[in-house]
Protein backbone atom coordinates (compact mmCIF):
# COMPACT_ATOMS: atom_id res chain seq x y z
CA MET A 1 38.81 52.30 8.17
CA GLN A 2 38.31 48.70 9.27
CA LEU A 3 37.59 45.93 6.83
CA GLY A 4 35.02 43.29 7.57
CA THR A 5 35.14 39.56 7.12
CA ARG A 6 32.97 36.49 6.61
CA TRP A 7 33.08 33.22 8.49
CA ALA A 8 31.05 30.03 8.42
CA VAL A 9 28.42 29.30 11.03
CA GLY A 10 30.06 27.14 13.69
CA SER A 11 33.55 28.54 13.07
CA PRO A 12 35.24 30.76 15.64
CA SER A 13 34.22 34.42 15.56
CA PRO A 14 36.85 37.04 14.70
CA LYS A 15 38.94 38.05 17.71
CA ALA A 16 38.20 41.73 17.00
CA LEU A 17 34.58 41.28 18.10
CA PRO A 18 33.68 42.50 21.58
CA ARG A 19 33.05 39.54 23.90
CA VAL A 20 29.32 40.32 24.20
CA VAL A 21 28.91 40.26 20.40
CA GLY A 22 30.75 36.95 20.15
CA GLY A 23 28.43 35.63 22.85
CA ALA A 24 25.39 36.77 20.86
CA VAL A 25 26.72 34.98 17.77
CA HIS A 26 27.16 31.82 19.83
CA ASP A 27 23.63 32.12 21.25
CA VAL A 28 22.09 32.49 17.78
CA GLU A 29 24.03 29.49 16.52
CA ALA A 30 22.94 27.42 19.54
CA GLU A 31 19.31 28.34 18.88
CA LEU A 32 19.61 27.35 15.22
CA GLN A 33 21.15 24.03 16.24
CA ALA A 34 18.39 23.42 18.80
CA ASP A 35 15.80 24.12 16.09
CA ASP A 36 17.63 21.68 13.78
CA VAL A 37 18.13 24.32 11.07
CA ASP A 38 20.46 23.28 8.24
CA VAL A 39 23.12 26.01 8.23
CA THR A 40 25.65 24.06 6.18
CA ARG A 41 26.26 26.88 3.70
CA TRP A 42 25.45 29.82 5.96
CA ALA A 43 27.97 32.43 6.98
CA TRP A 44 28.23 35.54 9.11
CA THR A 45 29.32 38.87 7.64
CA LEU A 46 31.11 41.39 9.84
CA THR A 47 31.14 45.04 8.82
CA TRP A 48 32.09 48.10 10.81
CA LEU A 49 29.80 51.12 11.11
CA GLU A 50 31.36 54.14 12.79
CA GLY A 51 33.88 51.86 14.48
CA ARG A 52 31.24 49.47 15.84
CA PRO A 53 30.77 45.90 14.65
CA VAL A 54 27.62 44.92 12.79
CA VAL A 55 27.23 41.18 12.25
CA GLU A 56 24.71 39.72 9.81
CA LEU A 57 23.79 36.10 9.21
CA ASP A 58 22.80 34.93 5.74
CA ASP A 59 19.16 34.61 6.89
CA GLY A 60 19.08 38.32 7.78
CA THR A 61 19.65 38.00 11.53
CA LEU A 62 21.49 41.16 12.60
CA ILE A 63 23.62 41.72 15.69
CA THR A 64 24.56 45.29 16.61
CA TYR A 65 26.80 46.56 19.41
CA ASN A 66 26.18 49.37 21.86
CA ASP A 67 29.64 50.32 23.11
CA ALA A 68 28.32 52.75 25.75
CA GLU A 69 26.51 49.90 27.52
CA ASP A 70 28.68 47.02 26.23
CA THR A 71 25.58 45.21 24.99
CA ALA A 72 24.63 43.35 21.83
CA THR A 73 21.18 43.43 20.24
CA VAL A 74 19.95 40.57 18.07
CA ARG A 75 17.26 41.33 15.51
CA GLN A 76 15.72 38.64 13.38
CA VAL A 77 13.95 39.39 10.12
CA THR A 78 10.28 38.49 10.05
CA ASP A 79 7.68 38.72 7.32
CA GLU A 80 6.32 41.82 9.07
CA ASP A 81 9.69 43.55 8.62
CA ASP A 82 9.32 43.23 4.86
CA GLU A 83 5.97 45.02 4.75
CA ASP A 84 5.87 48.72 3.91
CA ASP A 85 4.31 51.07 6.44
CA TYR A 86 1.73 53.41 4.94
């Protein structure tokens, strides 16, 4: 079992993250900075699901890792995500 961790936006990502996931974290942070979002108290949370990193930002942005393709997927929560499908 691997334990997760939290770190502040703008701080270095954990070294255990695959390079592509760390790059995705950096890209999200750069976009937030470009949009002038105040992330002073925001943090990332790293958890491990079946040995793969899952990184979530306090605003709900989620980064998952596909180890077979060595890719990271960024999903951002929208109001539509909160609606129930009937």
